N, C-alpha and C. Protein backbone atom coordinates (compact mmCIF):
# COMPACT_ATOMS: atom_id res chain seq x y z
N MET A 1 6.36 -45.36 16.29
CA MET A 1 7.33 -43.62 16.39
C MET A 1 5.79 -42.11 16.81
N GLU A 2 6.36 -41.34 17.81
CA GLU A 2 5.45 -40.85 17.74
C GLU A 2 5.10 -39.35 17.20
N GLY A 3 3.85 -39.04 17.40
CA GLY A 3 4.02 -37.73 16.34
C GLY A 3 4.77 -36.81 16.71
N TYR A 4 4.34 -35.44 16.55
CA TYR A 4 6.02 -34.70 16.87
C TYR A 4 5.25 -32.92 16.73
N ALA A 5 6.03 -31.63 17.08
CA ALA A 5 5.40 -30.84 17.45
C ALA A 5 6.48 -29.83 16.38
N PRO A 6 6.96 -29.25 15.53
CA PRO A 6 7.93 -28.39 15.62
C PRO A 6 7.99 -27.64 15.69
N ILE A 7 9.46 -27.18 16.43
CA ILE A 7 9.29 -25.87 16.85
C ILE A 7 10.17 -24.40 15.77
N ASN A 8 9.61 -23.55 16.19
CA ASN A 8 9.82 -22.32 15.35
C ASN A 8 11.06 -21.25 15.95
N ALA A 9 11.75 -21.95 14.85
CA ALA A 9 13.24 -21.43 15.01
C ALA A 9 13.73 -20.22 15.56
N THR A 10 12.71 -19.05 15.60
CA THR A 10 12.43 -17.42 15.42
C THR A 10 12.00 -16.92 16.63
N THR A 11 10.98 -17.76 17.26
CA THR A 11 10.73 -17.66 18.50
C THR A 11 10.70 -18.10 19.47
N GLY A 12 10.70 -20.17 19.04
CA GLY A 12 11.82 -20.96 20.00
C GLY A 12 10.56 -21.33 20.85
N VAL A 13 9.50 -21.37 20.18
CA VAL A 13 8.16 -21.95 20.83
C VAL A 13 7.35 -23.00 19.63
N THR A 14 6.60 -24.06 20.08
CA THR A 14 5.26 -24.90 18.90
C THR A 14 4.78 -23.96 18.90
N ASP A 15 3.64 -24.83 17.78
CA ASP A 15 2.58 -24.25 17.26
C ASP A 15 1.32 -24.33 17.93
N ASN A 16 1.72 -25.23 19.25
CA ASN A 16 0.50 -25.71 19.77
C ASN A 16 -0.08 -26.95 18.60
N MET A 17 -0.09 -27.78 17.80
CA MET A 17 -0.70 -27.82 17.14
C MET A 17 -0.14 -29.45 17.14
N PHE A 18 -1.05 -30.35 17.39
CA PHE A 18 -0.05 -31.74 17.34
C PHE A 18 -0.06 -32.24 15.22
N TRP A 19 0.86 -33.17 15.18
CA TRP A 19 1.50 -33.58 14.55
C TRP A 19 1.43 -34.32 14.29
N GLY A 20 0.33 -35.31 13.91
CA GLY A 20 -0.01 -37.05 13.96
C GLY A 20 1.37 -37.99 13.03
N LYS A 21 2.00 -37.23 11.86
CA LYS A 21 2.31 -38.25 10.56
C LYS A 21 4.05 -38.52 11.28
N PRO A 22 4.30 -39.58 10.93
CA PRO A 22 5.93 -39.65 11.82
C PRO A 22 7.59 -38.42 10.77
N MET A 23 7.52 -38.57 11.88
CA MET A 23 8.76 -37.16 11.61
C MET A 23 9.07 -38.20 10.25
N PHE A 24 10.18 -39.29 10.72
CA PHE A 24 11.24 -39.80 9.89
C PHE A 24 10.35 -41.14 9.34
N TRP A 25 10.80 -41.09 7.66
CA TRP A 25 9.70 -41.91 7.20
C TRP A 25 10.68 -43.47 7.02
N LYS A 26 11.67 -43.35 7.82
CA LYS A 26 12.78 -44.36 7.59
C LYS A 26 11.41 -44.98 8.47
N PHE A 27 11.02 -44.42 9.53
CA PHE A 27 10.15 -45.16 10.87
C PHE A 27 8.68 -45.83 10.39
N PHE A 28 8.26 -45.23 9.33
CA PHE A 28 7.39 -45.57 8.91
C PHE A 28 6.95 -47.11 8.77
N GLN A 29 5.52 -47.48 8.91
CA GLN A 29 5.18 -49.09 9.10
C GLN A 29 3.63 -49.14 8.51
N PRO A 30 3.60 -49.68 6.91
CA PRO A 30 2.59 -49.76 6.31
C PRO A 30 1.17 -50.27 7.46
N GLY A 31 0.50 -49.61 7.29
CA GLY A 31 -0.38 -50.60 8.43
C GLY A 31 -0.82 -50.13 9.80
N VAL A 32 0.36 -49.06 9.80
CA VAL A 32 0.03 -48.79 11.17
C VAL A 32 -0.28 -47.21 11.18
N PRO A 33 -1.74 -46.94 12.27
CA PRO A 33 -2.63 -45.53 11.95
C PRO A 33 -0.62 -44.43 12.39
N TYR A 34 -0.62 -43.74 11.54
CA TYR A 34 0.76 -42.49 12.02
C TYR A 34 1.27 -42.45 14.04
N ALA A 35 0.14 -41.97 14.26
CA ALA A 35 0.55 -42.14 16.16
C ALA A 35 0.25 -42.32 16.60
N ASP A 36 0.00 -43.85 16.25
CA ASP A 36 0.13 -45.09 17.27
C ASP A 36 0.99 -45.31 18.32
N GLY A 37 2.32 -44.73 18.30
CA GLY A 37 3.21 -45.99 18.48
C GLY A 37 3.73 -47.19 18.81
N TRP A 38 3.07 -47.71 18.17
CA TRP A 38 3.33 -48.51 18.54
C TRP A 38 3.86 -49.20 16.48
N SER A 39 4.98 -50.08 17.30
CA SER A 39 4.93 -50.67 15.57
C SER A 39 5.55 -52.13 16.09
N THR A 40 6.06 -53.50 15.31
CA THR A 40 6.80 -54.82 15.11
C THR A 40 8.03 -54.48 14.53
N LEU A 41 8.33 -53.25 14.28
CA LEU A 41 9.88 -52.90 13.68
C LEU A 41 10.48 -52.93 14.55
N ASN A 42 11.82 -53.25 14.79
CA ASN A 42 12.65 -53.57 15.28
C ASN A 42 13.43 -52.60 15.69
N ASP A 43 13.73 -52.24 16.91
CA ASP A 43 14.45 -50.77 16.84
C ASP A 43 16.42 -51.15 16.64
N PRO A 44 16.91 -50.52 15.98
CA PRO A 44 18.68 -50.58 15.53
C PRO A 44 19.99 -50.74 16.93
N LEU A 45 20.20 -52.07 16.86
CA LEU A 45 21.28 -52.02 18.61
C LEU A 45 22.66 -51.62 17.59
N PHE A 46 22.84 -51.45 16.77
CA PHE A 46 24.39 -51.73 15.83
C PHE A 46 24.27 -51.46 14.51
N ARG A 47 25.04 -50.60 14.54
CA ARG A 47 24.33 -50.55 12.25
C ARG A 47 25.83 -51.15 11.77
N SER A 48 26.21 -51.14 10.93
CA SER A 48 27.39 -50.92 10.43
C SER A 48 28.00 -49.58 9.98
N ALA A 49 26.77 -48.76 9.49
CA ALA A 49 27.46 -47.57 9.06
C ALA A 49 27.86 -46.23 10.65
N GLU A 50 26.82 -47.09 11.65
CA GLU A 50 27.42 -46.45 12.65
C GLU A 50 28.92 -47.24 14.25
N LEU A 51 29.13 -48.61 12.71
CA LEU A 51 30.93 -48.69 13.37
C LEU A 51 31.59 -48.10 12.14
N TYR A 52 31.82 -47.94 11.25
CA TYR A 52 32.56 -47.29 10.66
C TYR A 52 32.27 -45.93 11.07
N LEU A 53 31.65 -44.96 11.12
CA LEU A 53 31.40 -43.80 11.41
C LEU A 53 32.74 -43.80 12.27
N MET A 54 32.51 -44.40 13.30
CA MET A 54 33.48 -44.94 14.72
C MET A 54 34.38 -44.80 14.55
N ALA A 55 34.50 -45.57 13.69
CA ALA A 55 35.79 -45.70 12.79
C ALA A 55 37.01 -45.06 12.84
N ALA A 56 36.28 -44.31 11.98
CA ALA A 56 36.09 -43.05 11.17
C ALA A 56 37.19 -41.95 11.64
N GLU A 57 36.20 -42.51 12.83
CA GLU A 57 36.51 -40.90 13.87
C GLU A 57 37.53 -41.29 14.95
N ALA A 58 37.49 -42.17 15.16
CA ALA A 58 38.78 -42.72 15.65
C ALA A 58 40.01 -42.85 15.66
N ILE A 59 40.20 -42.28 14.06
CA ILE A 59 41.58 -42.36 13.29
C ILE A 59 41.62 -40.51 13.13
N VAL A 60 41.12 -40.03 12.95
CA VAL A 60 40.66 -38.73 13.07
C VAL A 60 41.39 -38.51 14.04
N LYS A 61 40.64 -38.66 15.37
CA LYS A 61 41.67 -38.32 16.45
C LYS A 61 43.15 -38.72 17.06
N GLY A 62 43.60 -39.56 16.13
CA GLY A 62 44.91 -40.13 16.04
C GLY A 62 44.61 -41.76 15.81
N ALA A 63 44.07 -42.33 16.10
CA ALA A 63 43.81 -44.22 16.82
C ALA A 63 44.97 -44.41 14.94
N THR A 64 45.51 -45.84 15.15
CA THR A 64 46.60 -46.18 14.03
C THR A 64 46.05 -47.73 14.14
N GLY A 65 46.52 -48.35 13.54
CA GLY A 65 46.50 -50.38 12.71
C GLY A 65 45.36 -49.96 12.88
N ALA A 66 44.25 -48.99 12.23
CA ALA A 66 43.22 -49.37 11.52
C ALA A 66 42.77 -50.35 10.51
N LYS A 67 41.89 -52.35 10.16
CA LYS A 67 42.42 -52.93 8.89
C LYS A 67 42.57 -51.36 7.70
N LEU A 68 41.30 -51.35 7.18
CA LEU A 68 40.69 -50.62 6.18
C LEU A 68 41.56 -49.47 5.75
N GLY A 69 42.94 -49.01 6.79
CA GLY A 69 43.19 -47.84 6.53
C GLY A 69 43.04 -45.99 7.00
N THR A 70 43.14 -45.53 5.66
CA THR A 70 42.40 -44.01 6.99
C THR A 70 41.25 -43.57 6.87
N ALA A 71 41.01 -42.83 7.53
CA ALA A 71 40.00 -42.34 7.93
C ALA A 71 38.10 -42.45 7.07
N ASP A 72 38.93 -41.96 5.89
CA ASP A 72 38.11 -41.36 4.48
C ASP A 72 37.76 -42.40 3.95
N VAL A 73 38.23 -43.96 4.21
CA VAL A 73 38.08 -45.26 3.75
C VAL A 73 37.06 -45.49 4.31
N TYR A 74 36.75 -45.53 5.85
CA TYR A 74 35.50 -45.28 6.55
C TYR A 74 34.40 -44.47 6.01
N TYR A 75 34.61 -43.67 6.32
CA TYR A 75 33.67 -42.98 5.99
C TYR A 75 32.67 -42.96 4.20
N ASN A 76 33.96 -43.47 3.60
CA ASN A 76 33.32 -43.52 2.07
C ASN A 76 32.32 -44.97 2.36
N VAL A 77 32.33 -45.93 2.40
CA VAL A 77 32.55 -47.11 2.80
C VAL A 77 30.29 -46.39 3.46
N VAL A 78 30.34 -45.68 4.22
CA VAL A 78 29.13 -44.85 4.89
C VAL A 78 28.34 -44.61 3.14
N LEU A 79 28.94 -44.15 3.14
CA LEU A 79 28.58 -43.01 1.94
C LEU A 79 28.06 -44.07 0.25
N ASP A 80 29.33 -45.02 0.25
CA ASP A 80 28.81 -45.64 -1.00
C ASP A 80 27.28 -46.30 -0.87
N ARG A 81 27.84 -46.67 0.91
CA ARG A 81 26.35 -47.90 0.63
C ARG A 81 24.77 -47.39 0.37
N ALA A 82 25.11 -45.63 0.81
CA ALA A 82 24.18 -44.90 0.85
C ALA A 82 23.43 -44.26 -0.35
N LEU A 83 24.32 -43.84 -1.15
CA LEU A 83 24.82 -43.37 -2.62
C LEU A 83 24.84 -44.93 -3.45
N ALA A 84 23.99 -45.90 -3.58
CA ALA A 84 23.77 -47.79 -4.02
C ALA A 84 22.51 -47.37 -5.40
N SER A 85 22.26 -46.03 -4.80
CA SER A 85 20.49 -46.03 -5.86
C SER A 85 21.22 -44.92 -6.53
N ASN A 86 22.10 -45.00 -6.38
CA ASN A 86 22.50 -43.31 -7.43
C ASN A 86 21.88 -43.83 -8.94
N LYS A 87 21.73 -44.17 -9.42
CA LYS A 87 21.74 -44.88 -11.27
C LYS A 87 23.06 -44.97 -11.48
N GLY A 88 24.10 -45.41 -11.44
CA GLY A 88 24.65 -45.26 -12.17
C GLY A 88 25.40 -44.20 -12.55
N LYS A 89 25.25 -43.12 -11.50
CA LYS A 89 25.98 -41.80 -12.01
C LYS A 89 27.45 -41.76 -10.99
N SER A 90 28.40 -41.08 -10.90
CA SER A 90 29.36 -40.94 -10.84
C SER A 90 29.04 -41.09 -8.79
N PRO A 91 30.06 -41.73 -7.79
CA PRO A 91 30.01 -42.09 -6.53
C PRO A 91 30.65 -41.00 -6.12
N ASN A 92 30.84 -39.45 -7.18
CA ASN A 92 31.10 -38.36 -6.06
C ASN A 92 30.64 -37.09 -6.03
N ARG A 93 29.08 -37.62 -6.49
CA ARG A 93 27.95 -36.70 -6.49
C ARG A 93 26.74 -36.87 -6.06
N ALA A 94 25.38 -36.32 -5.31
CA ALA A 94 25.08 -36.28 -4.32
C ALA A 94 23.73 -35.75 -4.92
N ALA A 95 22.50 -35.73 -5.12
CA ALA A 95 21.67 -35.24 -5.55
C ALA A 95 21.51 -33.96 -4.21
N LYS A 96 20.49 -33.33 -4.63
CA LYS A 96 19.73 -32.80 -2.78
C LYS A 96 19.25 -33.63 -2.66
N ALA A 97 18.14 -33.32 -1.43
CA ALA A 97 16.98 -34.78 -1.29
C ALA A 97 15.56 -33.64 -1.72
N ASN A 98 15.41 -33.23 -1.80
CA ASN A 98 14.38 -32.40 -2.47
C ASN A 98 14.88 -31.86 -4.56
N ASP A 99 15.84 -31.80 -5.39
CA ASP A 99 15.76 -32.61 -6.32
C ASP A 99 15.41 -33.74 -7.09
N PRO A 100 14.24 -33.57 -6.67
CA PRO A 100 14.42 -35.59 -8.00
C PRO A 100 14.66 -34.54 -8.94
N THR A 101 14.90 -34.42 -9.71
CA THR A 101 15.53 -34.48 -11.44
C THR A 101 17.01 -33.81 -11.07
N ASP A 102 17.06 -34.16 -9.97
CA ASP A 102 18.71 -34.47 -10.47
C ASP A 102 19.64 -33.34 -10.71
N ASP A 103 19.10 -31.75 -11.01
CA ASP A 103 19.43 -30.93 -11.27
C ASP A 103 21.00 -30.76 -11.14
N PRO A 104 21.92 -30.48 -12.25
CA PRO A 104 23.37 -30.65 -11.83
C PRO A 104 23.54 -29.31 -10.89
N LYS A 105 22.56 -28.25 -11.36
CA LYS A 105 23.17 -27.35 -10.21
C LYS A 105 23.29 -27.83 -8.66
N ASN A 106 22.34 -28.33 -8.53
CA ASN A 106 21.82 -29.05 -6.94
C ASN A 106 22.65 -30.10 -6.52
N VAL A 107 24.00 -30.70 -7.92
CA VAL A 107 25.07 -31.31 -7.03
C VAL A 107 25.64 -31.34 -6.47
N VAL A 108 26.00 -32.16 -5.13
CA VAL A 108 26.66 -31.49 -3.93
C VAL A 108 27.98 -32.94 -3.89
N SER A 109 29.37 -32.39 -3.28
CA SER A 109 30.21 -33.58 -3.29
C SER A 109 30.12 -33.97 -1.92
N TYR A 110 30.08 -35.95 -1.51
CA TYR A 110 30.14 -36.08 0.73
C TYR A 110 31.69 -36.38 0.52
N ARG A 111 32.36 -36.99 -0.50
CA ARG A 111 32.77 -38.20 -0.97
C ARG A 111 34.56 -36.77 0.26
N ALA A 112 34.94 -38.15 0.96
CA ALA A 112 36.35 -37.81 0.91
C ALA A 112 37.99 -37.96 1.12
N THR A 113 38.27 -37.13 2.00
CA THR A 113 39.66 -37.78 0.75
C THR A 113 40.68 -37.48 2.16
N PRO A 114 42.11 -38.68 2.04
CA PRO A 114 43.24 -38.48 3.03
C PRO A 114 42.79 -36.31 3.55
N ALA A 115 42.74 -35.43 2.29
CA ALA A 115 43.55 -34.12 3.07
C ALA A 115 42.30 -33.50 3.31
N THR A 116 40.37 -34.56 3.18
CA THR A 116 39.46 -33.30 3.39
C THR A 116 38.54 -33.68 4.79
N ILE A 117 39.10 -35.46 5.32
CA ILE A 117 38.08 -36.06 5.61
C ILE A 117 38.86 -34.96 7.76
N ASN A 118 37.81 -35.22 8.24
CA ASN A 118 37.64 -34.35 9.33
C ASN A 118 36.59 -34.15 10.51
N ILE A 119 36.69 -34.17 11.97
CA ILE A 119 35.40 -34.54 12.87
C ILE A 119 34.00 -33.94 12.27
N ASP A 120 34.67 -33.03 11.85
CA ASP A 120 32.43 -32.30 11.15
C ASP A 120 31.71 -33.20 10.13
N MET A 121 32.75 -32.96 9.21
CA MET A 121 32.36 -34.25 7.70
C MET A 121 32.36 -36.12 8.57
N ILE A 122 32.85 -36.02 9.22
CA ILE A 122 31.38 -37.29 10.55
C ILE A 122 30.81 -37.33 10.94
N LEU A 123 30.37 -36.21 11.47
CA LEU A 123 29.65 -35.47 12.60
C LEU A 123 28.51 -35.24 11.27
N ASP A 124 28.62 -34.64 11.14
CA ASP A 124 27.45 -34.65 9.68
C ASP A 124 27.10 -35.88 8.73
N GLU A 125 27.83 -36.17 8.85
CA GLU A 125 27.60 -37.75 7.89
C GLU A 125 26.34 -38.37 9.05
N SER A 126 27.24 -38.86 10.66
CA SER A 126 26.09 -39.94 11.53
C SER A 126 25.04 -38.94 11.79
N GLY A 127 24.63 -37.73 11.43
CA GLY A 127 23.82 -37.25 11.99
C GLY A 127 22.78 -37.46 11.08
N ARG A 128 23.27 -37.33 9.45
CA ARG A 128 21.85 -38.20 8.47
C ARG A 128 21.88 -39.42 8.67
N GLU A 129 22.28 -39.79 8.54
CA GLU A 129 22.93 -41.54 8.76
C GLU A 129 21.64 -42.53 10.08
N LEU A 130 22.35 -41.23 10.88
CA LEU A 130 21.92 -41.85 12.67
C LEU A 130 20.49 -41.15 12.77
N LEU A 131 19.81 -40.94 11.73
CA LEU A 131 19.06 -39.53 12.57
C LEU A 131 17.79 -40.08 13.05
N GLY A 132 17.63 -39.31 14.48
CA GLY A 132 16.13 -40.24 15.33
C GLY A 132 16.65 -41.38 16.21
N GLU A 133 17.61 -42.01 16.03
CA GLU A 133 18.38 -42.92 16.08
C GLU A 133 18.31 -42.55 18.28
N SER A 134 18.90 -41.85 18.19
CA SER A 134 18.55 -42.22 19.69
C SER A 134 20.36 -41.60 19.83
N PHE A 135 21.23 -41.37 19.08
CA PHE A 135 22.65 -41.34 19.23
C PHE A 135 23.77 -40.01 19.18
N ARG A 136 22.38 -38.62 18.58
CA ARG A 136 23.36 -37.25 18.85
C ARG A 136 24.09 -36.85 19.57
N TRP A 137 23.28 -37.01 20.69
CA TRP A 137 23.53 -36.36 22.10
C TRP A 137 25.10 -37.07 22.43
N ASN A 138 25.41 -39.00 22.68
CA ASN A 138 26.70 -39.00 22.64
C ASN A 138 27.79 -38.77 21.69
N ASP A 139 27.39 -38.42 20.44
CA ASP A 139 28.50 -38.13 19.97
C ASP A 139 28.96 -36.33 20.16
N LEU A 140 27.86 -36.29 20.74
CA LEU A 140 28.06 -34.29 20.13
C LEU A 140 29.25 -34.05 21.48
N LYS A 141 28.57 -35.17 22.91
CA LYS A 141 29.11 -35.22 24.63
C LYS A 141 30.80 -35.48 23.76
N ARG A 142 30.39 -37.04 23.72
CA ARG A 142 32.20 -37.18 22.85
C ARG A 142 32.92 -35.77 22.14
N THR A 143 32.55 -35.83 21.56
CA THR A 143 33.81 -35.55 20.59
C THR A 143 33.35 -33.62 20.89
N LYS A 144 33.01 -33.40 22.13
CA LYS A 144 32.77 -32.23 22.61
C LYS A 144 32.91 -31.34 21.54
N THR A 145 31.32 -30.77 21.09
CA THR A 145 31.21 -30.07 19.88
C THR A 145 29.51 -29.85 20.54
N LEU A 146 29.08 -30.84 21.29
CA LEU A 146 27.79 -30.04 21.85
C LEU A 146 27.02 -28.92 22.25
N ILE A 147 27.25 -27.68 22.31
CA ILE A 147 27.86 -26.69 22.44
C ILE A 147 27.42 -26.05 20.89
N THR A 148 28.97 -25.90 20.75
CA THR A 148 29.05 -25.30 18.96
C THR A 148 28.20 -25.40 18.07
N ARG A 149 28.16 -26.59 18.17
CA ARG A 149 27.40 -27.60 16.84
C ARG A 149 25.98 -27.01 17.47
N ASN A 150 24.80 -27.14 18.28
CA ASN A 150 23.78 -26.47 18.63
C ASN A 150 24.01 -24.69 18.14
N LEU A 151 24.70 -24.18 18.89
CA LEU A 151 24.74 -23.17 18.95
C LEU A 151 24.70 -23.02 17.33
N LEU A 152 25.40 -23.80 15.79
CA LEU A 152 25.39 -23.42 14.74
C LEU A 152 24.26 -23.56 14.12
N TYR A 153 23.90 -25.04 14.10
CA TYR A 153 23.08 -26.25 14.20
C TYR A 153 21.38 -25.24 14.31
N ASN A 154 20.92 -25.04 15.69
CA ASN A 154 19.64 -24.81 16.40
C ASN A 154 19.42 -23.31 16.41
N PRO A 155 19.12 -22.61 15.72
CA PRO A 155 19.20 -21.31 16.59
C PRO A 155 18.52 -20.84 17.76
N TRP A 156 17.40 -21.84 18.01
CA TRP A 156 16.20 -21.58 18.58
C TRP A 156 18.21 -21.96 20.69
N THR A 157 18.64 -22.26 20.37
CA THR A 157 19.49 -22.26 21.54
C THR A 157 20.00 -20.95 21.87
N LYS A 158 19.56 -20.08 21.13
CA LYS A 158 20.29 -18.86 21.72
C LYS A 158 19.58 -18.61 22.35
N TYR A 159 18.22 -18.80 22.28
CA TYR A 159 16.71 -17.62 22.99
C TYR A 159 17.06 -18.23 24.44
N GLY A 160 17.79 -16.89 25.90
CA GLY A 160 17.25 -17.47 26.53
C GLY A 160 17.03 -15.92 27.59
N ILE A 161 17.78 -16.05 28.52
CA ILE A 161 17.29 -15.11 29.56
C ILE A 161 18.53 -13.48 28.67
N ASN A 162 17.97 -12.52 28.92
CA ASN A 162 18.76 -11.28 27.69
C ASN A 162 19.41 -12.08 26.92
N GLY A 163 18.97 -13.22 26.00
CA GLY A 163 19.73 -12.89 25.32
C GLY A 163 20.56 -14.00 24.85
N SER A 164 20.71 -14.56 26.28
CA SER A 164 22.14 -15.53 26.76
C SER A 164 21.73 -16.97 26.03
N SER A 165 22.87 -17.51 25.29
CA SER A 165 22.27 -18.91 24.88
C SER A 165 21.81 -20.01 26.57
N GLN A 166 20.90 -20.66 25.89
CA GLN A 166 20.32 -21.76 26.64
C GLN A 166 20.56 -23.16 27.08
N ILE A 167 22.00 -23.12 25.94
CA ILE A 167 22.77 -24.34 26.26
C ILE A 167 24.05 -24.08 26.99
N LYS A 168 24.01 -24.99 27.54
CA LYS A 168 25.37 -24.73 28.70
C LYS A 168 27.05 -25.14 28.81
N ASP A 169 27.64 -25.43 29.45
CA ASP A 169 28.57 -26.19 29.78
C ASP A 169 27.74 -27.69 30.89
N PHE A 170 27.64 -27.39 31.39
CA PHE A 170 26.23 -28.53 32.13
C PHE A 170 25.77 -29.67 31.96
N HIS A 171 24.88 -28.56 30.39
CA HIS A 171 24.41 -29.73 29.60
C HIS A 171 25.29 -31.28 29.10
N TYR A 172 26.12 -31.18 28.96
CA TYR A 172 27.52 -32.43 28.80
C TYR A 172 26.96 -33.89 29.59
N LEU A 173 26.60 -33.11 30.71
CA LEU A 173 26.26 -34.34 31.52
C LEU A 173 24.11 -34.44 32.00
N ARG A 174 23.67 -35.28 32.22
CA ARG A 174 22.17 -35.25 32.17
C ARG A 174 21.42 -35.18 32.77
N PRO A 175 20.64 -34.66 33.99
CA PRO A 175 20.04 -34.62 34.68
C PRO A 175 20.04 -36.09 35.13
N ILE A 176 20.03 -36.22 36.50
CA ILE A 176 19.05 -37.62 37.47
C ILE A 176 17.84 -37.22 38.00
N PRO A 177 17.42 -38.46 37.11
CA PRO A 177 15.83 -38.12 37.59
C PRO A 177 15.60 -38.56 39.08
N GLN A 178 15.17 -37.48 39.02
CA GLN A 178 14.84 -36.78 41.25
C GLN A 178 13.85 -38.59 42.18
N GLY A 179 13.36 -38.86 41.20
CA GLY A 179 13.03 -40.35 42.01
C GLY A 179 14.06 -41.27 42.32
N MET A 180 14.85 -41.02 41.05
CA MET A 180 15.94 -42.18 41.20
C MET A 180 17.03 -41.55 42.55
N LEU A 181 16.62 -40.11 43.23
CA LEU A 181 17.99 -39.65 43.81
C LEU A 181 17.22 -39.92 45.49
N ASP A 182 16.07 -39.97 45.49
CA ASP A 182 14.70 -39.95 46.67
C ASP A 182 15.16 -41.31 46.93
N VAL A 183 15.50 -42.15 46.32
CA VAL A 183 15.53 -43.96 46.03
C VAL A 183 16.49 -44.66 46.51
N THR A 184 17.73 -43.79 46.77
CA THR A 184 18.90 -44.47 46.06
C THR A 184 20.27 -43.70 47.42
N ASN A 185 21.25 -43.53 48.04
CA ASN A 185 22.15 -43.32 48.66
C ASN A 185 21.86 -41.78 48.39
N PRO A 186 21.73 -40.82 49.72
CA PRO A 186 21.06 -40.01 50.32
C PRO A 186 22.35 -39.40 50.15
N LYS A 187 23.36 -40.43 49.05
CA LYS A 187 24.94 -38.80 49.59
C LYS A 187 25.07 -38.54 47.84
N ILE A 188 24.78 -39.68 47.13
CA ILE A 188 24.27 -39.28 45.48
C ILE A 188 23.55 -38.10 45.85
N GLU A 189 23.91 -36.73 44.76
CA GLU A 189 23.84 -35.64 45.09
C GLU A 189 23.50 -35.21 42.91
N GLN A 190 22.17 -34.42 42.89
CA GLN A 190 22.18 -34.31 41.49
C GLN A 190 23.52 -33.80 40.46
N ASN A 191 23.46 -33.70 38.89
CA ASN A 191 24.35 -33.89 38.23
C ASN A 191 24.48 -32.45 38.78
N PRO A 192 25.92 -31.45 38.72
CA PRO A 192 25.73 -29.84 38.30
C PRO A 192 24.69 -29.08 37.78
N GLY A 193 24.54 -27.65 37.69
CA GLY A 193 23.57 -27.34 36.79
C GLY A 193 21.73 -27.65 36.62
N TYR A 194 21.31 -28.25 37.32
CA TYR A 194 19.99 -29.02 37.42
C TYR A 194 19.24 -28.92 38.64
């Protein structure tokens, strides 16, 4: 895992300082220098949690005939696995990550029911479960929530010319690398907006 430089949410710029520690501890490998960039860990290609969340999303969008039933069942399978270390506490509650004392005032419920499950819950859990695994853009593109969720959760996307949003509809497509355009059929054009 390479190092990172955080972006200031107010100004939209980095502090020009290299941060060498891994951004996500789930990629940490003892004995490998933090900013080495090399690891013997395997990259996950598919994870069961991803498949359960995809199934929940499909059901929320109207798919029928699911083997396990409703979308909340698929969603809660992922949640139950994530909360397995809850040490005998109710599976309906999880302590916030920064509260090692599990103070009851900091306990929140993430469990879904048939009445509460929705695409936002699924995207939130997908963001937690698959953090740093390069699936997020595809999830947001597929659900057509790329712009709304970026503006809601990433305040720096609001900074642009005359205060306009930096994220636009054309961002649902990625740019084709110029080197690829140069060596392929001249009739192939760059995606709009790039």
